[in-house]
């Protein structure tokens, strides 16, 4: 039977970064939302957050303004996060493989059989 469960191992970003650029990862990032309420506007401080987002690790990234950034995590909007950003990446984890596969990517004629296998699978246990 195909196993559909997975274990995530979080890595402290201060201790180690992914080995290569282009690696899709989940990151835990912390920061503050912009002020919204009257009380927050008075203090200039919004609500604090710590959340998980999908990103890609980049060994070299060029921001929209041309600024070069190294060893950073880039979101789907092209914004880069690192240990010194306003929104700090605290931890990262490799994304799990596709359901029932050892790969993160299936292309071409292999897609439909892989999807069928995953849809027909039941969690082990």
C-alpha atoms as a PDB file:
ATOM      1  CA  UNK A   1       0.000   0.000   0.000  1.00  0.00           C
ATOM      2  CA  UNK A   2       1.187   3.531  -0.778  1.00  0.00           C
ATOM      3  CA  UNK A   3       2.083   5.643   2.242  1.00  0.00           C
ATOM      4  CA  UNK A   4       0.511   9.080   2.140  1.00  0.00           C
ATOM      5  CA  UNK A   5       1.818  10.401   5.454  1.00  0.00           C
ATOM      6  CA  UNK A   6       5.018  12.390   5.863  1.00  0.00           C
ATOM      7  CA  UNK A   7       7.235  13.796   8.577  1.00  0.00           C
ATOM      8  CA  UNK A   8       8.550  17.350   8.464  1.00  0.00           C
ATOM      9  CA  UNK A   9      11.935  18.153   9.957  1.00  0.00           C
ATOM     10  CA  UNK A  10      12.426  21.840  10.706  1.00  0.00           C
ATOM     11  CA  UNK A  11      15.937  23.281  10.437  1.00  0.00           C
ATOM     12  CA  UNK A  12      16.961  26.400  12.356  1.00  0.00           C
ATOM     13  CA  UNK A  13      17.930  28.889   9.619  1.00  0.00           C
ATOM     14  CA  UNK A  14      20.695  30.303  11.842  1.00  0.00           C
ATOM     15  CA  UNK A  15      22.399  26.906  11.855  1.00  0.00           C
ATOM     16  CA  UNK A  16      22.057  25.694   8.274  1.00  0.00           C
ATOM     17  CA  UNK A  17      20.591  26.695   4.904  1.00  0.00           C
ATOM     18  CA  UNK A  18      19.513  24.421   2.043  1.00  0.00           C
ATOM     19  CA  UNK A  19      22.415  22.983   0.049  1.00  0.00           C
ATOM     20  CA  UNK A  20      21.459  24.293  -3.388  1.00  0.00           C
ATOM     21  CA  UNK A  21      19.565  27.120  -5.014  1.00  0.00           C
ATOM     22  CA  UNK A  22      16.157  26.432  -6.496  1.00  0.00           C
ATOM     23  CA  UNK A  23      15.146  24.131  -3.633  1.00  0.00           C
ATOM     24  CA  UNK A  24      11.416  24.448  -2.844  1.00  0.00           C
ATOM     25  CA  UNK A  25      10.931  24.735   0.919  1.00  0.00           C
ATOM     26  CA  UNK A  26       8.451  25.644   3.606  1.00  0.00           C
ATOM     27  CA  UNK A  27       9.682  28.490   5.781  1.00  0.00           C
ATOM     28  CA  UNK A  28       8.580  29.735   9.172  1.00  0.00           C
ATOM     29  CA  UNK A  29       8.806  33.509   9.154  1.00  0.00           C
ATOM     30  CA  UNK A  30       8.108  36.060  11.860  1.00  0.00           C
ATOM     31  CA  UNK A  31       7.450  39.781  11.812  1.00  0.00           C
ATOM     32  CA  UNK A  32       4.636  42.289  12.305  1.00  0.00           C
ATOM     33  CA  UNK A  33       1.664  43.139  10.138  1.00  0.00           C
ATOM     34  CA  UNK A  34       1.286  46.835   9.313  1.00  0.00           C
ATOM     35  CA  UNK A  35      -0.800  48.790  11.857  1.00  0.00           C
ATOM     36  CA  UNK A  36      -4.553  48.612  11.180  1.00  0.00           C
ATOM     37  CA  UNK A  37      -6.547  49.465  14.305  1.00  0.00           C
ATOM     38  CA  UNK A  38      -6.650  52.899  15.926  1.00  0.00           C
ATOM     39  CA  UNK A  39      -4.540  51.616  18.843  1.00  0.00           C
ATOM     40  CA  UNK A  40      -1.983  50.115  16.466  1.00  0.00           C
ATOM     41  CA  UNK A  41      -1.878  53.326  14.412  1.00  0.00           C
ATOM     42  CA  UNK A  42      -1.122  55.324  17.567  1.00  0.00           C
ATOM     43  CA  UNK A  43       1.792  53.076  18.529  1.00  0.00           C
ATOM     44  CA  UNK A  44       2.869  52.408  14.934  1.00  0.00           C
ATOM     45  CA  UNK A  45       3.071  48.686  15.756  1.00  0.00           C
ATOM     46  CA  UNK A  46       0.908  46.033  14.128  1.00  0.00           C
ATOM     47  CA  UNK A  47       0.125  42.513  15.282  1.00  0.00           C
ATOM     48  CA  UNK A  48       3.080  40.130  15.584  1.00  0.00           C
ATOM     49  CA  UNK A  49       2.995  36.894  13.541  1.00  0.00           C
ATOM     50  CA  UNK A  50       4.884  33.640  13.021  1.00  0.00           C
ATOM     51  CA  UNK A  51       3.622  31.611  10.073  1.00  0.00           C
ATOM     52  CA  UNK A  52       4.541  28.998   7.473  1.00  0.00           C
ATOM     53  CA  UNK A  53       4.830  29.853   3.764  1.00  0.00           C
ATOM     54  CA  UNK A  54       6.073  28.018   0.689  1.00  0.00           C
ATOM     55  CA  UNK A  55       9.186  29.581  -0.857  1.00  0.00           C
ATOM     56  CA  UNK A  56      12.239  28.748  -2.937  1.00  0.00           C
ATOM     57  CA  UNK A  57      15.778  29.002  -1.600  1.00  0.00           C
ATOM     58  CA  UNK A  58      18.085  31.121  -3.782  1.00  0.00           C
ATOM     59  CA  UNK A  59      21.853  31.326  -3.541  1.00  0.00           C
ATOM     60  CA  UNK A  60      21.643  34.486  -5.702  1.00  0.00           C
ATOM     61  CA  UNK A  61      18.545  36.640  -6.213  1.00  0.00           C
ATOM     62  CA  UNK A  62      18.083  40.050  -7.824  1.00  0.00           C
ATOM     63  CA  UNK A  63      15.293  42.157  -6.310  1.00  0.00           C
ATOM     64  CA  UNK A  64      13.010  44.265  -8.509  1.00  0.00           C
ATOM     65  CA  UNK A  65      15.235  47.293  -7.842  1.00  0.00           C
ATOM     66  CA  UNK A  66      18.313  45.342  -8.968  1.00  0.00           C
ATOM     67  CA  UNK A  67      19.672  44.748  -5.472  1.00  0.00           C
ATOM     68  CA  UNK A  68      21.686  41.530  -5.281  1.00  0.00           C
ATOM     69  CA  UNK A  69      20.771  39.186  -2.452  1.00  0.00           C
ATOM     70  CA  UNK A  70      22.529  35.962  -1.506  1.00  0.00           C
ATOM     71  CA  UNK A  71      21.317  32.908   0.405  1.00  0.00           C
ATOM     72  CA  UNK A  72      17.711  34.011   0.776  1.00  0.00           C
ATOM     73  CA  UNK A  73      14.218  32.562   0.575  1.00  0.00           C
ATOM     74  CA  UNK A  74      12.031  33.967  -2.229  1.00  0.00           C
ATOM     75  CA  UNK A  75       8.225  34.001  -2.130  1.00  0.00           C
ATOM     76  CA  UNK A  76       5.865  33.744  -5.116  1.00  0.00           C
ATOM     77  CA  UNK A  77       5.880  37.539  -5.503  1.00  0.00           C
ATOM     78  CA  UNK A  78       9.669  37.598  -5.857  1.00  0.00           C
ATOM     79  CA  UNK A  79      10.232  39.137  -2.421  1.00  0.00           C
ATOM     80  CA  UNK A  80      13.329  37.773  -0.674  1.00  0.00           C
ATOM     81  CA  UNK A  81      13.561  36.941   3.032  1.00  0.00           C
ATOM     82  CA  UNK A  82      16.690  36.184   5.036  1.00  0.00           C
ATOM     83  CA  UNK A  83      17.950  36.320   8.609  1.00  0.00           C
ATOM     84  CA  UNK A  84      18.213  40.124   8.450  1.00  0.00           C
ATOM     85  CA  UNK A  85      14.848  40.937   6.799  1.00  0.00           C
ATOM     86  CA  UNK A  86      12.008  42.780   8.541  1.00  0.00           C
ATOM     87  CA  UNK A  87      10.180  39.466   8.253  1.00  0.00           C
ATOM     88  CA  UNK A  88      12.783  36.988   9.471  1.00  0.00           C
ATOM     89  CA  UNK A  89      13.003  33.363   8.369  1.00  0.00           C
ATOM     90  CA  UNK A  90      13.435  31.398  11.590  1.00  0.00           C
ATOM     91  CA  UNK A  91      13.240  27.821  10.254  1.00  0.00           C
ATOM     92  CA  UNK A  92      12.897  25.961   6.972  1.00  0.00           C
ATOM     93  CA  UNK A  93      11.902  22.447   5.932  1.00  0.00           C
ATOM     94  CA  UNK A  94      12.168  20.496   2.716  1.00  0.00           C
ATOM     95  CA  UNK A  95       8.805  20.041   1.077  1.00  0.00           C
ATOM     96  CA  UNK A  96       7.536  16.470   0.997  1.00  0.00           C
ATOM     97  CA  UNK A  97       7.602  14.501  -2.238  1.00  0.00           C
ATOM     98  CA  UNK A  98       4.449  14.115  -4.305  1.00  0.00           C
ATOM     99  CA  UNK A  99       1.892  11.703  -2.810  1.00  0.00           C
ATOM    100  CA  UNK A 100       3.117   8.143  -3.286  1.00  0.00           C
ATOM    101  CA  UNK A 101       6.339   9.257  -4.988  1.00  0.00           C
ATOM    102  CA  UNK A 102       9.934   9.982  -4.061  1.00  0.00           C
ATOM    103  CA  UNK A 103      10.014  12.973  -6.451  1.00  0.00           C
ATOM    104  CA  UNK A 104       8.806  16.574  -6.326  1.00  0.00           C
ATOM    105  CA  UNK A 105       8.152  16.691 -10.068  1.00  0.00           C
ATOM    106  CA  UNK A 106       6.471  14.404 -12.605  1.00  0.00           C
ATOM    107  CA  UNK A 107       6.279  15.431 -16.260  1.00  0.00           C
ATOM    108  CA  UNK A 108       4.578  14.370 -19.475  1.00  0.00           C
ATOM    109  CA  UNK A 109       3.076  10.934 -19.927  1.00  0.00           C
ATOM    110  CA  UNK A 110       3.987   9.922 -16.361  1.00  0.00           C
ATOM    111  CA  UNK A 111       1.630  12.510 -14.812  1.00  0.00           C
ATOM    112  CA  UNK A 112      -1.729  10.770 -15.291  1.00  0.00           C
ATOM    113  CA  UNK A 113      -0.575   7.357 -13.978  1.00  0.00           C
ATOM    114  CA  UNK A 114       1.026   9.069 -10.968  1.00  0.00           C
ATOM    115  CA  UNK A 115      -2.182  11.001 -10.253  1.00  0.00           C
ATOM    116  CA  UNK A 116      -4.264   7.812 -10.549  1.00  0.00           C
ATOM    117  CA  UNK A 117      -1.947   5.966  -8.152  1.00  0.00           C
ATOM    118  CA  UNK A 118      -2.167   8.797  -5.602  1.00  0.00           C
ATOM    119  CA  UNK A 119      -5.949   9.092  -5.880  1.00  0.00           C
ATOM    120  CA  UNK A 120      -6.410   5.331  -5.497  1.00  0.00           C
ATOM    121  CA  UNK A 121      -4.067   5.081  -2.511  1.00  0.00           C
ATOM    122  CA  UNK A 122      -5.307   4.875   1.048  1.00  0.00           C
ATOM    123  CA  UNK A 123      -3.293   5.980   4.062  1.00  0.00           C
ATOM    124  CA  UNK A 124      -1.276   3.131   5.548  1.00  0.00           C
ATOM    125  CA  UNK A 125      -2.013   2.134   9.063  1.00  0.00           C
END
